[in-house]
C-alpha atoms as a PDB file:
ATOM      1  CA  UNK A   1     162.254  68.304  22.993  1.00  0.00           C
ATOM      2  CA  UNK A   2     165.234  70.231  21.958  1.00  0.00           C
ATOM      3  CA  UNK A   3     166.803  67.101  20.279  1.00  0.00           C
ATOM      4  CA  UNK A   4     163.697  66.561  18.285  1.00  0.00           C
ATOM      5  CA  UNK A   5     163.800  70.099  16.961  1.00  0.00           C
ATOM      6  CA  UNK A   6     167.415  69.662  15.939  1.00  0.00           C
ATOM      7  CA  UNK A   7     166.563  66.614  13.819  1.00  0.00           C
ATOM      8  CA  UNK A   8     163.791  68.530  11.873  1.00  0.00           C
ATOM      9  CA  UNK A   9     164.037  68.200   8.166  1.00  0.00           C
ATOM     10  CA  UNK A  10     164.184  71.706   6.718  1.00  0.00           C
ATOM     11  CA  UNK A  11     164.151  72.238   2.910  1.00  0.00           C
ATOM     12  CA  UNK A  12     167.735  72.407   1.407  1.00  0.00           C
ATOM     13  CA  UNK A  13     169.010  75.505  -0.380  1.00  0.00           C
ATOM     14  CA  UNK A  14     169.589  75.079  -4.109  1.00  0.00           C
ATOM     15  CA  UNK A  15     172.938  76.860  -4.368  1.00  0.00           C
ATOM     16  CA  UNK A  16     175.008  74.245  -2.406  1.00  0.00           C
ATOM     17  CA  UNK A  17     175.880  71.501  -4.879  1.00  0.00           C
ATOM     18  CA  UNK A  18     178.898  69.464  -6.330  1.00  0.00           C
ATOM     19  CA  UNK A  19     179.081  67.931  -9.739  1.00  0.00           C
ATOM     20  CA  UNK A  20     181.607  65.313 -10.808  1.00  0.00           C
ATOM     21  CA  UNK A  21     181.950  63.585 -14.228  1.00  0.00           C
ATOM     22  CA  UNK A  22     183.738  60.272 -14.667  1.00  0.00           C
ATOM     23  CA  UNK A  23     184.967  58.257 -17.668  1.00  0.00           C
ATOM     24  CA  UNK A  24     182.516  55.334 -17.895  1.00  0.00           C
ATOM     25  CA  UNK A  25     185.260  53.106 -19.384  1.00  0.00           C
ATOM     26  CA  UNK A  26     187.427  53.475 -16.307  1.00  0.00           C
ATOM     27  CA  UNK A  27     187.717  51.346 -13.330  1.00  0.00           C
ATOM     28  CA  UNK A  28     186.400  54.140 -11.236  1.00  0.00           C
ATOM     29  CA  UNK A  29     183.017  54.046 -12.997  1.00  0.00           C
ATOM     30  CA  UNK A  30     181.114  52.197 -10.286  1.00  0.00           C
ATOM     31  CA  UNK A  31     178.552  53.837  -7.969  1.00  0.00           C
ATOM     32  CA  UNK A  32     180.809  53.551  -4.844  1.00  0.00           C
ATOM     33  CA  UNK A  33     183.894  54.882  -6.403  1.00  0.00           C
ATOM     34  CA  UNK A  34     182.133  57.590  -8.289  1.00  0.00           C
ATOM     35  CA  UNK A  35     180.550  58.826  -4.999  1.00  0.00           C
ATOM     36  CA  UNK A  36     184.076  58.906  -3.421  1.00  0.00           C
ATOM     37  CA  UNK A  37     185.399  60.786  -6.477  1.00  0.00           C
ATOM     38  CA  UNK A  38     182.413  63.229  -6.419  1.00  0.00           C
ATOM     39  CA  UNK A  39     183.109  64.153  -2.816  1.00  0.00           C
ATOM     40  CA  UNK A  40     186.815  64.124  -2.636  1.00  0.00           C
ATOM     41  CA  UNK A  41     188.180  65.327  -6.002  1.00  0.00           C
ATOM     42  CA  UNK A  42     189.978  68.621  -6.134  1.00  0.00           C
ATOM     43  CA  UNK A  43     187.545  71.218  -7.415  1.00  0.00           C
ATOM     44  CA  UNK A  44     189.122  72.929 -10.542  1.00  0.00           C
ATOM     45  CA  UNK A  45     185.922  74.669 -11.915  1.00  0.00           C
ATOM     46  CA  UNK A  46     182.389  75.581 -10.899  1.00  0.00           C
ATOM     47  CA  UNK A  47     178.809  75.135 -12.246  1.00  0.00           C
ATOM     48  CA  UNK A  48     176.384  77.856 -11.485  1.00  0.00           C
ATOM     49  CA  UNK A  49     173.405  75.849 -12.623  1.00  0.00           C
ATOM     50  CA  UNK A  50     172.346  72.159 -12.895  1.00  0.00           C
ATOM     51  CA  UNK A  51     168.932  71.395 -14.442  1.00  0.00           C
ATOM     52  CA  UNK A  52     167.164  68.284 -15.653  1.00  0.00           C
ATOM     53  CA  UNK A  53     166.851  65.864 -12.745  1.00  0.00           C
ATOM     54  CA  UNK A  54     163.525  64.692 -14.099  1.00  0.00           C
ATOM     55  CA  UNK A  55     161.844  61.516 -15.050  1.00  0.00           C
ATOM     56  CA  UNK A  56     158.359  60.874 -16.512  1.00  0.00           C
ATOM     57  CA  UNK A  57     156.395  57.718 -17.110  1.00  0.00           C
ATOM     58  CA  UNK A  58     154.104  57.000 -20.043  1.00  0.00           C
ATOM     59  CA  UNK A  59     150.801  55.448 -19.109  1.00  0.00           C
ATOM     60  CA  UNK A  60     149.234  52.750 -21.101  1.00  0.00           C
ATOM     61  CA  UNK A  61     145.338  52.896 -21.176  1.00  0.00           C
ATOM     62  CA  UNK A  62     143.104  49.899 -21.488  1.00  0.00           C
ATOM     63  CA  UNK A  63     139.352  49.978 -22.096  1.00  0.00           C
ATOM     64  CA  UNK A  64     138.139  46.889 -20.283  1.00  0.00           C
ATOM     65  CA  UNK A  65     135.052  45.449 -21.800  1.00  0.00           C
ATOM     66  CA  UNK A  66     131.964  45.833 -19.600  1.00  0.00           C
ATOM     67  CA  UNK A  67     133.600  48.487 -17.405  1.00  0.00           C
ATOM     68  CA  UNK A  68     132.353  51.803 -18.926  1.00  0.00           C
ATOM     69  CA  UNK A  69     132.836  53.800 -15.780  1.00  0.00           C
ATOM     70  CA  UNK A  70     136.640  53.930 -15.932  1.00  0.00           C
ATOM     71  CA  UNK A  71     139.813  53.455 -18.203  1.00  0.00           C
ATOM     72  CA  UNK A  72     142.376  51.190 -16.605  1.00  0.00           C
ATOM     73  CA  UNK A  73     145.864  52.627 -16.565  1.00  0.00           C
ATOM     74  CA  UNK A  74     149.178  50.681 -16.404  1.00  0.00           C
ATOM     75  CA  UNK A  75     152.715  51.892 -16.057  1.00  0.00           C
ATOM     76  CA  UNK A  76     154.650  52.156 -19.259  1.00  0.00           C
ATOM     77  CA  UNK A  77     158.189  53.212 -20.315  1.00  0.00           C
ATOM     78  CA  UNK A  78     160.139  55.707 -18.299  1.00  0.00           C
ATOM     79  CA  UNK A  79     161.823  58.572 -20.048  1.00  0.00           C
ATOM     80  CA  UNK A  80     164.623  60.777 -18.669  1.00  0.00           C
ATOM     81  CA  UNK A  81     165.108  64.473 -19.205  1.00  0.00           C
ATOM     82  CA  UNK A  82     168.501  65.760 -20.422  1.00  0.00           C
ATOM     83  CA  UNK A  83     170.728  67.419 -17.783  1.00  0.00           C
ATOM     84  CA  UNK A  84     172.101  70.832 -18.477  1.00  0.00           C
ATOM     85  CA  UNK A  85     175.194  72.266 -16.765  1.00  0.00           C
ATOM     86  CA  UNK A  86     176.051  75.920 -16.839  1.00  0.00           C
ATOM     87  CA  UNK A  87     179.222  77.639 -15.618  1.00  0.00           C
ATOM     88  CA  UNK A  88     181.162  80.804 -16.070  1.00  0.00           C
ATOM     89  CA  UNK A  89     183.842  80.612 -18.754  1.00  0.00           C
ATOM     90  CA  UNK A  90     187.349  80.267 -17.292  1.00  0.00           C
ATOM     91  CA  UNK A  91     190.694  79.099 -18.522  1.00  0.00           C
ATOM     92  CA  UNK A  92     189.470  75.405 -18.398  1.00  0.00           C
ATOM     93  CA  UNK A  93     188.049  74.150 -21.699  1.00  0.00           C
ATOM     94  CA  UNK A  94     187.094  70.645 -20.344  1.00  0.00           C
ATOM     95  CA  UNK A  95     183.438  70.956 -21.470  1.00  0.00           C
ATOM     96  CA  UNK A  96     184.369  71.844 -25.069  1.00  0.00           C
ATOM     97  CA  UNK A  97     187.048  69.174 -25.023  1.00  0.00           C
ATOM     98  CA  UNK A  98     184.542  66.499 -24.095  1.00  0.00           C
ATOM     99  CA  UNK A  99     182.043  67.491 -26.740  1.00  0.00           C
ATOM    100  CA  UNK A 100     184.752  67.904 -29.479  1.00  0.00           C
ATOM    101  CA  UNK A 101     186.090  64.467 -28.616  1.00  0.00           C
ATOM    102  CA  UNK A 102     182.951  63.083 -30.310  1.00  0.00           C
ATOM    103  CA  UNK A 103     183.438  65.294 -33.308  1.00  0.00           C
ATOM    104  CA  UNK A 104     186.918  63.661 -33.832  1.00  0.00           C
ATOM    105  CA  UNK A 105     185.607  60.184 -33.169  1.00  0.00           C
ATOM    106  CA  UNK A 106     187.411  59.639 -29.946  1.00  0.00           C
ATOM    107  CA  UNK A 107     184.812  60.779 -27.441  1.00  0.00           C
ATOM    108  CA  UNK A 108     184.000  58.843 -24.230  1.00  0.00           C
ATOM    109  CA  UNK A 109     180.764  58.708 -22.264  1.00  0.00           C
ATOM    110  CA  UNK A 110     180.860  60.099 -18.749  1.00  0.00           C
ATOM    111  CA  UNK A 111     178.954  59.069 -15.585  1.00  0.00           C
ATOM    112  CA  UNK A 112     177.951  61.849 -13.300  1.00  0.00           C
ATOM    113  CA  UNK A 113     177.374  62.444  -9.657  1.00  0.00           C
ATOM    114  CA  UNK A 114     175.272  65.447  -8.436  1.00  0.00           C
ATOM    115  CA  UNK A 115     175.515  66.067  -4.688  1.00  0.00           C
ATOM    116  CA  UNK A 116     173.200  68.556  -2.888  1.00  0.00           C
ATOM    117  CA  UNK A 117     174.857  69.748   0.338  1.00  0.00           C
ATOM    118  CA  UNK A 118     173.404  71.157   3.608  1.00  0.00           C
ATOM    119  CA  UNK A 119     174.608  74.319   5.308  1.00  0.00           C
ATOM    120  CA  UNK A 120     177.419  72.252   6.961  1.00  0.00           C
ATOM    121  CA  UNK A 121     178.594  71.088   3.558  1.00  0.00           C
ATOM    122  CA  UNK A 122     177.560  67.511   4.309  1.00  0.00           C
ATOM    123  CA  UNK A 123     175.771  65.581   1.483  1.00  0.00           C
ATOM    124  CA  UNK A 124     171.962  65.639   1.769  1.00  0.00           C
ATOM    125  CA  UNK A 125     171.030  64.089  -1.484  1.00  0.00           C
ATOM    126  CA  UNK A 126     173.064  62.274  -4.085  1.00  0.00           C
ATOM    127  CA  UNK A 127     172.030  61.653  -7.650  1.00  0.00           C
ATOM    128  CA  UNK A 128     173.992  59.371  -9.996  1.00  0.00           C
ATOM    129  CA  UNK A 129     173.484  59.240 -13.822  1.00  0.00           C
ATOM    130  CA  UNK A 130     174.826  56.700 -16.224  1.00  0.00           C
ATOM    131  CA  UNK A 131     176.553  56.901 -19.616  1.00  0.00           C
ATOM    132  CA  UNK A 132     176.274  60.617 -20.116  1.00  0.00           C
ATOM    133  CA  UNK A 133     176.593  61.780 -23.776  1.00  0.00           C
ATOM    134  CA  UNK A 134     177.134  65.466 -24.621  1.00  0.00           C
ATOM    135  CA  UNK A 135     174.438  66.486 -26.990  1.00  0.00           C
ATOM    136  CA  UNK A 136     174.957  70.230 -27.291  1.00  0.00           C
ATOM    137  CA  UNK A 137     177.706  72.755 -26.196  1.00  0.00           C
ATOM    138  CA  UNK A 138     176.669  76.368 -25.983  1.00  0.00           C
ATOM    139  CA  UNK A 139     179.372  79.048 -25.765  1.00  0.00           C
ATOM    140  CA  UNK A 140     178.817  82.450 -24.128  1.00  0.00           C
ATOM    141  CA  UNK A 141     176.652  85.156 -25.666  1.00  0.00           C
ATOM    142  CA  UNK A 142     178.880  88.193 -25.863  1.00  0.00           C
ATOM    143  CA  UNK A 143     177.686  91.770 -25.724  1.00  0.00           C
ATOM    144  CA  UNK A 144     180.038  94.751 -25.415  1.00  0.00           C
ATOM    145  CA  UNK A 145     177.228  96.903 -23.868  1.00  0.00           C
ATOM    146  CA  UNK A 146     176.882  94.651 -20.819  1.00  0.00           C
ATOM    147  CA  UNK A 147     179.158  93.348 -18.058  1.00  0.00           C
ATOM    148  CA  UNK A 148     177.541  90.004 -17.250  1.00  0.00           C
ATOM    149  CA  UNK A 149     179.550  86.838 -16.595  1.00  0.00           C
ATOM    150  CA  UNK A 150     180.273  84.950 -19.773  1.00  0.00           C
ATOM    151  CA  UNK A 151     178.389  81.526 -19.438  1.00  0.00           C
ATOM    152  CA  UNK A 152     178.946  78.296 -21.348  1.00  0.00           C
ATOM    153  CA  UNK A 153     176.643  75.314 -20.985  1.00  0.00           C
ATOM    154  CA  UNK A 154     176.483  71.581 -21.876  1.00  0.00           C
ATOM    155  CA  UNK A 155     173.399  69.523 -22.367  1.00  0.00           C
ATOM    156  CA  UNK A 156     173.915  65.872 -21.519  1.00  0.00           C
ATOM    157  CA  UNK A 157     171.792  62.852 -22.503  1.00  0.00           C
ATOM    158  CA  UNK A 158     172.057  59.785 -20.269  1.00  0.00           C
ATOM    159  CA  UNK A 159     170.541  56.293 -19.667  1.00  0.00           C
ATOM    160  CA  UNK A 160     168.991  56.808 -16.198  1.00  0.00           C
ATOM    161  CA  UNK A 161     169.283  58.702 -12.909  1.00  0.00           C
ATOM    162  CA  UNK A 162     169.455  56.994  -9.597  1.00  0.00           C
ATOM    163  CA  UNK A 163     169.121  58.580  -6.131  1.00  0.00           C
ATOM    164  CA  UNK A 164     170.988  57.108  -3.343  1.00  0.00           C
ATOM    165  CA  UNK A 165     168.903  56.321  -0.223  1.00  0.00           C
ATOM    166  CA  UNK A 166     169.468  57.344   3.381  1.00  0.00           C
ATOM    167  CA  UNK A 167     172.010  60.124   2.483  1.00  0.00           C
ATOM    168  CA  UNK A 168     169.818  62.792   4.159  1.00  0.00           C
ATOM    169  CA  UNK A 169     169.884  60.873   7.534  1.00  0.00           C
ATOM    170  CA  UNK A 170     173.574  61.567   7.928  1.00  0.00           C
ATOM    171  CA  UNK A 171     173.011  65.139   7.004  1.00  0.00           C
ATOM    172  CA  UNK A 172     170.332  65.545   9.752  1.00  0.00           C
ATOM    173  CA  UNK A 173     172.551  63.914  12.371  1.00  0.00           C
ATOM    174  CA  UNK A 174     175.495  66.028  11.530  1.00  0.00           C
ATOM    175  CA  UNK A 175     173.318  69.215  11.766  1.00  0.00           C
ATOM    176  CA  UNK A 176     171.896  68.028  15.168  1.00  0.00           C
ATOM    177  CA  UNK A 177     175.376  67.028  16.544  1.00  0.00           C
ATOM    178  CA  UNK A 178     176.735  70.649  15.691  1.00  0.00           C
ATOM    179  CA  UNK A 179     173.807  72.460  17.216  1.00  0.00           C
ATOM    180  CA  UNK A 180     171.715  73.091  14.094  1.00  0.00           C
ATOM    181  CA  UNK A 181     174.316  74.238  11.563  1.00  0.00           C
ATOM    182  CA  UNK A 182     176.243  77.324  10.667  1.00  0.00           C
ATOM    183  CA  UNK A 183     173.384  79.234   9.211  1.00  0.00           C
ATOM    184  CA  UNK A 184     173.972  81.738   6.352  1.00  0.00           C
ATOM    185  CA  UNK A 185     176.944  79.924   4.866  1.00  0.00           C
ATOM    186  CA  UNK A 186     176.934  80.665   1.046  1.00  0.00           C
ATOM    187  CA  UNK A 187     178.914  78.840  -1.526  1.00  0.00           C
ATOM    188  CA  UNK A 188     178.610  78.255  -5.215  1.00  0.00           C
ATOM    189  CA  UNK A 189     178.220  74.924  -6.783  1.00  0.00           C
ATOM    190  CA  UNK A 190     181.606  73.420  -7.676  1.00  0.00           C
ATOM    191  CA  UNK A 191     182.669  70.676 -10.075  1.00  0.00           C
ATOM    192  CA  UNK A 192     185.225  67.934  -9.713  1.00  0.00           C
ATOM    193  CA  UNK A 193     186.577  66.835 -13.008  1.00  0.00           C
ATOM    194  CA  UNK A 194     187.829  63.292 -12.439  1.00  0.00           C
ATOM    195  CA  UNK A 195     188.312  61.780 -15.862  1.00  0.00           C
ATOM    196  CA  UNK A 196     186.681  64.771 -17.638  1.00  0.00           C
ATOM    197  CA  UNK A 197     189.566  65.264 -20.127  1.00  0.00           C
ATOM    198  CA  UNK A 198     191.095  62.401 -22.052  1.00  0.00           C
END
């Protein structure tokens, strides 16, 4: 009975995440190597927010002759929401450099890996997006009457999000083997920057 309780699937906390961006033209820009990079790269910055893991499907309606009691519905094209990353301004200008590369005509698209971790820092969910394109860079809003953290953000358009299957199974097993987890461990989301500049 105790073993069954240890394998229960509790909801994940939303503050434990890792983001990694890779040059899509590099040899590393495959799902397998992107995952390795996203999990093992040295973290040199941090993202406090990641939004936009969304998709929606248009529905095509068909009025069938003789069937006045219902309108038939068929799946249509899928559209993807832009991803927004936010972080505190630091000495690293990698987000601005990526965006400004397109201003100068030398920009490169980035693939991205977003990893949600459990309390033991083991991946529970992994999303992978393809051919990211920086649409909008927002610098901090500065106000001398406040002492809030200066935040910069990047809005990224892309060509699809994929979620890797069976990742949560390893997370549940690791939690069960360690007696249910550390509990109360709090870390901020961090960002590996493999191929982010250049």
